[in-house]
Amino acid sequence: MKVPPAVEQAARAALAKKATEVVILDLRRSSSFTDFFLLASGSNQKQILAIADAVEETLRALHLRPDHVEGYPRQEWILMDYGAFVVHIFTPRTRSFYDLERLWGGAARVEVAG
């Protein structure tokens, strides 16, 4: 699966802040609202914010800004919508609860290692 460079850069930015379980889901065959999900976990709320900030900073350098951001004040799940892809950054508990990997189980999956 060919992953767009911006999604790859966002994944690398998350890994640079020690994100875990970084996964890219290819939704092009199953979704009309976006092409890719980038999922990442942080061990605590402070790390979730650091990951989100690093992703936003990295993508801003590529002249990309999110169309919409949710969850930033709560810091349990931050969603950053870039149109063609959506970045989800979770605490482990929240990621397990929503289980997007299972929900989108038919999507091609790429694990991104640091």
N, C-alpha and C. Protein backbone atom coordinates (compact mmCIF):
# COMPACT_ATOMS: atom_id res chain seq x y z
N MET A 1 0.86 -1.19 0.00
CA MET A 1 0.00 0.00 0.00
C MET A 1 0.90 1.24 0.00
N LYS A 2 0.60 2.14 -0.88
CA LYS A 2 1.34 3.40 -0.94
C LYS A 2 0.66 4.42 -0.03
N VAL A 3 1.41 4.92 0.93
CA VAL A 3 0.91 5.89 1.90
C VAL A 3 1.36 7.28 1.46
N PRO A 4 0.46 8.26 1.45
CA PRO A 4 0.86 9.63 1.08
C PRO A 4 1.97 10.15 2.00
N PRO A 5 2.87 10.95 1.46
CA PRO A 5 3.98 11.48 2.26
C PRO A 5 3.53 12.23 3.52
N ALA A 6 2.45 12.97 3.46
CA ALA A 6 1.99 13.72 4.64
C ALA A 6 1.58 12.78 5.76
N VAL A 7 0.95 11.66 5.42
CA VAL A 7 0.55 10.68 6.44
C VAL A 7 1.80 10.05 7.05
N GLU A 8 2.76 9.72 6.20
CA GLU A 8 4.01 9.15 6.67
C GLU A 8 4.75 10.14 7.59
N GLN A 9 4.78 11.41 7.22
CA GLN A 9 5.44 12.43 8.04
C GLN A 9 4.73 12.58 9.39
N ALA A 10 3.41 12.54 9.37
CA ALA A 10 2.64 12.63 10.63
C ALA A 10 2.96 11.44 11.53
N ALA A 11 3.07 10.25 10.95
CA ALA A 11 3.42 9.06 11.72
C ALA A 11 4.81 9.20 12.33
N ARG A 12 5.75 9.69 11.56
CA ARG A 12 7.12 9.88 12.06
C ARG A 12 7.16 10.92 13.19
N ALA A 13 6.35 11.97 13.06
CA ALA A 13 6.29 12.99 14.11
C ALA A 13 5.75 12.39 15.40
N ALA A 14 4.73 11.54 15.28
CA ALA A 14 4.16 10.87 16.46
C ALA A 14 5.21 9.96 17.11
N LEU A 15 5.91 9.20 16.28
CA LEU A 15 6.95 8.31 16.82
C LEU A 15 8.07 9.09 17.49
N ALA A 16 8.38 10.26 16.98
CA ALA A 16 9.43 11.09 17.58
C ALA A 16 9.07 11.51 19.00
N LYS A 17 7.77 11.53 19.30
CA LYS A 17 7.31 11.86 20.66
C LYS A 17 6.96 10.59 21.43
N LYS A 18 7.50 9.48 20.97
CA LYS A 18 7.37 8.18 21.65
C LYS A 18 5.95 7.63 21.64
N ALA A 19 5.18 7.94 20.60
CA ALA A 19 3.86 7.33 20.44
C ALA A 19 4.04 5.83 20.27
N THR A 20 3.05 5.07 20.71
CA THR A 20 3.08 3.62 20.55
C THR A 20 1.91 3.19 19.67
N GLU A 21 1.98 1.95 19.21
CA GLU A 21 0.92 1.37 18.38
C GLU A 21 0.51 2.30 17.23
N VAL A 22 1.49 2.80 16.51
CA VAL A 22 1.22 3.70 15.39
C VAL A 22 0.81 2.85 14.19
N VAL A 23 -0.41 3.10 13.72
CA VAL A 23 -1.00 2.29 12.65
C VAL A 23 -1.65 3.22 11.64
N ILE A 24 -1.51 2.87 10.37
CA ILE A 24 -2.21 3.59 9.29
C ILE A 24 -3.23 2.63 8.70
N LEU A 25 -4.48 3.09 8.63
CA LEU A 25 -5.55 2.31 7.99
C LEU A 25 -5.90 2.96 6.66
N ASP A 26 -5.94 2.15 5.61
CA ASP A 26 -6.31 2.63 4.28
C ASP A 26 -7.82 2.45 4.12
N LEU A 27 -8.54 3.55 4.13
CA LEU A 27 -10.01 3.51 4.07
C LEU A 27 -10.56 3.84 2.69
N ARG A 28 -9.71 3.90 1.69
CA ARG A 28 -10.16 4.34 0.36
C ARG A 28 -11.26 3.46 -0.21
N ARG A 29 -11.30 2.19 0.14
CA ARG A 29 -12.34 1.29 -0.39
C ARG A 29 -13.60 1.26 0.47
N SER A 30 -13.51 1.79 1.69
CA SER A 30 -14.64 1.64 2.60
C SER A 30 -15.20 2.94 3.16
N SER A 31 -14.63 4.08 2.78
CA SER A 31 -15.08 5.35 3.36
C SER A 31 -15.15 6.41 2.28
N SER A 32 -16.14 7.26 2.41
CA SER A 32 -16.24 8.38 1.46
C SER A 32 -15.79 9.69 2.09
N PHE A 33 -15.53 9.69 3.40
CA PHE A 33 -15.19 10.94 4.08
C PHE A 33 -13.70 11.18 4.25
N THR A 34 -12.89 10.14 4.14
CA THR A 34 -11.44 10.29 4.22
C THR A 34 -10.77 9.07 3.61
N ASP A 35 -9.50 9.20 3.28
CA ASP A 35 -8.77 8.09 2.67
C ASP A 35 -7.98 7.26 3.66
N PHE A 36 -7.44 7.91 4.71
CA PHE A 36 -6.60 7.22 5.67
C PHE A 36 -6.90 7.66 7.08
N PHE A 37 -6.73 6.73 8.03
CA PHE A 37 -6.67 7.05 9.45
C PHE A 37 -5.24 6.79 9.89
N LEU A 38 -4.70 7.69 10.70
CA LEU A 38 -3.45 7.46 11.40
C LEU A 38 -3.82 7.35 12.87
N LEU A 39 -3.54 6.19 13.47
CA LEU A 39 -3.85 5.95 14.88
C LEU A 39 -2.55 5.88 15.66
N ALA A 40 -2.54 6.51 16.83
CA ALA A 40 -1.36 6.48 17.69
C ALA A 40 -1.82 6.56 19.14
N SER A 41 -1.03 6.00 20.03
CA SER A 41 -1.33 6.04 21.46
C SER A 41 -0.21 6.74 22.21
N GLY A 42 -0.60 7.42 23.27
CA GLY A 42 0.34 8.03 24.20
C GLY A 42 0.03 7.50 25.59
N SER A 43 1.02 7.40 26.44
CA SER A 43 0.82 6.75 27.74
C SER A 43 0.04 7.60 28.74
N ASN A 44 0.01 8.92 28.52
CA ASN A 44 -0.72 9.79 29.44
C ASN A 44 -1.19 11.04 28.70
N GLN A 45 -1.96 11.88 29.39
CA GLN A 45 -2.54 13.06 28.75
C GLN A 45 -1.48 14.05 28.27
N LYS A 46 -0.42 14.20 29.02
CA LYS A 46 0.64 15.13 28.63
C LYS A 46 1.31 14.66 27.34
N GLN A 47 1.53 13.37 27.22
CA GLN A 47 2.14 12.83 26.01
C GLN A 47 1.19 12.95 24.82
N ILE A 48 -0.10 12.77 25.04
CA ILE A 48 -1.09 12.92 23.96
C ILE A 48 -0.99 14.33 23.37
N LEU A 49 -0.91 15.33 24.23
CA LEU A 49 -0.76 16.71 23.75
C LEU A 49 0.55 16.91 22.98
N ALA A 50 1.64 16.34 23.49
CA ALA A 50 2.95 16.49 22.83
C ALA A 50 2.92 15.86 21.44
N ILE A 51 2.28 14.71 21.32
CA ILE A 51 2.17 14.04 20.03
C ILE A 51 1.35 14.89 19.06
N ALA A 52 0.21 15.38 19.52
CA ALA A 52 -0.65 16.22 18.67
C ALA A 52 0.08 17.47 18.22
N ASP A 53 0.79 18.10 19.14
CA ASP A 53 1.54 19.31 18.79
C ASP A 53 2.63 19.01 17.75
N ALA A 54 3.31 17.88 17.92
CA ALA A 54 4.38 17.51 16.98
C ALA A 54 3.81 17.21 15.59
N VAL A 55 2.68 16.53 15.54
CA VAL A 55 2.04 16.24 14.24
C VAL A 55 1.63 17.54 13.57
N GLU A 56 0.99 18.42 14.33
CA GLU A 56 0.53 19.68 13.75
C GLU A 56 1.71 20.51 13.24
N GLU A 57 2.77 20.58 14.02
CA GLU A 57 3.96 21.35 13.63
C GLU A 57 4.61 20.78 12.37
N THR A 58 4.72 19.47 12.31
CA THR A 58 5.33 18.81 11.15
C THR A 58 4.51 19.05 9.89
N LEU A 59 3.19 18.93 10.01
CA LEU A 59 2.34 19.11 8.83
C LEU A 59 2.24 20.57 8.43
N ARG A 60 2.33 21.47 9.40
CA ARG A 60 2.33 22.90 9.08
C ARG A 60 3.55 23.24 8.21
N ALA A 61 4.67 22.59 8.46
CA ALA A 61 5.86 22.80 7.64
C ALA A 61 5.64 22.35 6.20
N LEU A 62 4.66 21.46 5.99
CA LEU A 62 4.27 21.01 4.65
C LEU A 62 3.11 21.84 4.11
N HIS A 63 2.80 22.92 4.82
CA HIS A 63 1.70 23.83 4.45
C HIS A 63 0.33 23.16 4.58
N LEU A 64 0.20 22.26 5.54
CA LEU A 64 -1.08 21.60 5.82
C LEU A 64 -1.55 22.02 7.20
N ARG A 65 -2.82 22.37 7.26
CA ARG A 65 -3.45 22.71 8.54
C ARG A 65 -4.71 21.87 8.68
N PRO A 66 -5.03 21.45 9.89
CA PRO A 66 -6.24 20.64 10.04
C PRO A 66 -7.50 21.45 9.74
N ASP A 67 -8.46 20.79 9.09
CA ASP A 67 -9.76 21.41 8.85
C ASP A 67 -10.54 21.50 10.16
N HIS A 68 -10.27 20.54 11.06
CA HIS A 68 -11.02 20.46 12.30
C HIS A 68 -10.18 19.70 13.33
N VAL A 69 -10.26 20.13 14.59
CA VAL A 69 -9.59 19.43 15.69
C VAL A 69 -10.61 19.25 16.80
N GLU A 70 -10.66 18.05 17.36
CA GLU A 70 -11.55 17.77 18.49
C GLU A 70 -10.76 17.12 19.61
N GLY A 71 -11.24 17.31 20.83
CA GLY A 71 -10.70 16.61 21.98
C GLY A 71 -9.49 17.24 22.64
N TYR A 72 -8.96 18.30 22.07
CA TYR A 72 -7.73 18.87 22.61
C TYR A 72 -7.85 19.24 24.09
N PRO A 73 -8.93 19.88 24.53
CA PRO A 73 -8.99 20.20 25.97
C PRO A 73 -9.09 18.97 26.87
N ARG A 74 -9.77 17.93 26.39
CA ARG A 74 -9.98 16.75 27.23
C ARG A 74 -8.75 15.85 27.28
N GLN A 75 -8.02 15.78 26.18
CA GLN A 75 -6.76 15.06 26.11
C GLN A 75 -6.85 13.55 26.30
N GLU A 76 -8.01 12.95 26.12
CA GLU A 76 -8.13 11.49 26.15
C GLU A 76 -8.09 10.94 24.73
N TRP A 77 -8.55 11.77 23.79
CA TRP A 77 -8.58 11.39 22.38
C TRP A 77 -8.56 12.68 21.58
N ILE A 78 -7.53 12.90 20.85
CA ILE A 78 -7.43 14.09 20.00
C ILE A 78 -7.59 13.64 18.56
N LEU A 79 -8.52 14.27 17.86
CA LEU A 79 -8.78 13.99 16.46
C LEU A 79 -8.39 15.21 15.65
N MET A 80 -7.60 14.99 14.62
CA MET A 80 -7.14 16.08 13.75
C MET A 80 -7.52 15.70 12.32
N ASP A 81 -8.46 16.43 11.74
CA ASP A 81 -8.99 16.12 10.42
C ASP A 81 -8.28 16.95 9.36
N TYR A 82 -7.53 16.28 8.50
CA TYR A 82 -6.81 16.94 7.41
C TYR A 82 -7.48 16.69 6.05
N GLY A 83 -8.73 16.28 6.06
CA GLY A 83 -9.46 16.04 4.83
C GLY A 83 -9.17 14.67 4.26
N ALA A 84 -8.05 14.51 3.58
CA ALA A 84 -7.69 13.23 2.98
C ALA A 84 -7.25 12.19 4.01
N PHE A 85 -6.93 12.65 5.21
CA PHE A 85 -6.60 11.72 6.30
C PHE A 85 -6.97 12.35 7.63
N VAL A 86 -7.20 11.46 8.61
CA VAL A 86 -7.58 11.88 9.95
C VAL A 86 -6.59 11.25 10.93
N VAL A 87 -6.05 12.06 11.82
CA VAL A 87 -5.12 11.60 12.84
C VAL A 87 -5.89 11.42 14.15
N HIS A 88 -5.78 10.24 14.75
CA HIS A 88 -6.41 9.94 16.04
C HIS A 88 -5.29 9.63 17.03
N ILE A 89 -5.25 10.37 18.13
CA ILE A 89 -4.25 10.13 19.16
C ILE A 89 -5.00 9.85 20.46
N PHE A 90 -4.75 8.68 21.02
CA PHE A 90 -5.53 8.18 22.16
C PHE A 90 -4.67 7.89 23.38
N THR A 91 -5.32 7.88 24.54
CA THR A 91 -4.76 7.16 25.68
C THR A 91 -5.08 5.69 25.43
N PRO A 92 -4.32 4.75 26.01
CA PRO A 92 -4.60 3.33 25.77
C PRO A 92 -6.03 2.93 26.13
N ARG A 93 -6.55 3.46 27.23
CA ARG A 93 -7.91 3.10 27.66
C ARG A 93 -8.95 3.55 26.65
N THR A 94 -8.80 4.77 26.14
CA THR A 94 -9.75 5.31 25.18
C THR A 94 -9.63 4.58 23.84
N ARG A 95 -8.41 4.27 23.44
CA ARG A 95 -8.23 3.53 22.18
C ARG A 95 -8.88 2.17 22.26
N SER A 96 -8.71 1.50 23.38
CA SER A 96 -9.33 0.19 23.57
C SER A 96 -10.86 0.28 23.57
N PHE A 97 -11.39 1.31 24.20
CA PHE A 97 -12.85 1.49 24.27
C PHE A 97 -13.46 1.67 22.89
N TYR A 98 -12.89 2.56 22.07
CA TYR A 98 -13.46 2.85 20.75
C TYR A 98 -13.03 1.84 19.69
N ASP A 99 -11.89 1.21 19.86
CA ASP A 99 -11.42 0.11 19.02
C ASP A 99 -11.65 0.33 17.52
N LEU A 100 -11.09 1.43 17.01
CA LEU A 100 -11.28 1.76 15.59
C LEU A 100 -10.69 0.70 14.66
N GLU A 101 -9.66 0.02 15.09
CA GLU A 101 -9.10 -1.05 14.26
C GLU A 101 -10.13 -2.14 14.00
N ARG A 102 -10.93 -2.47 15.00
CA ARG A 102 -11.97 -3.49 14.82
C ARG A 102 -13.10 -2.93 13.98
N LEU A 103 -13.50 -1.70 14.28
CA LEU A 103 -14.60 -1.07 13.57
C LEU A 103 -14.31 -0.97 12.07
N TRP A 104 -13.08 -0.67 11.72
CA TRP A 104 -12.66 -0.56 10.33
C TRP A 104 -11.81 -1.77 9.96
N GLY A 105 -12.21 -2.94 10.41
CA GLY A 105 -11.44 -4.18 10.24
C GLY A 105 -11.16 -4.56 8.80
N GLY A 106 -11.98 -4.10 7.85
CA GLY A 106 -11.76 -4.44 6.46
C GLY A 106 -10.70 -3.58 5.78
N ALA A 107 -10.21 -2.57 6.47
CA ALA A 107 -9.23 -1.66 5.89
C ALA A 107 -7.84 -2.30 5.88
N ALA A 108 -7.08 -2.02 4.84
CA ALA A 108 -5.68 -2.43 4.82
C ALA A 108 -4.97 -1.70 5.95
N ARG A 109 -4.01 -2.39 6.56
CA ARG A 109 -3.38 -1.87 7.78
C ARG A 109 -1.86 -1.89 7.62
N VAL A 110 -1.24 -0.78 8.03
CA VAL A 110 0.22 -0.69 8.03
C VAL A 110 0.67 -0.28 9.42
N GLU A 111 1.48 -1.12 10.05
CA GLU A 111 2.05 -0.78 11.35
C GLU A 111 3.32 0.04 11.08
N VAL A 112 3.46 1.15 11.76
CA VAL A 112 4.62 2.00 11.54
C VAL A 112 5.56 1.84 12.73
N ALA A 113 6.74 1.35 12.45
CA ALA A 113 7.71 1.14 13.53
C ALA A 113 8.70 2.28 13.58
N GLY A 114 9.18 2.56 14.77
CA GLY A 114 10.12 3.65 14.97
C GLY A 114 11.47 3.22 14.87
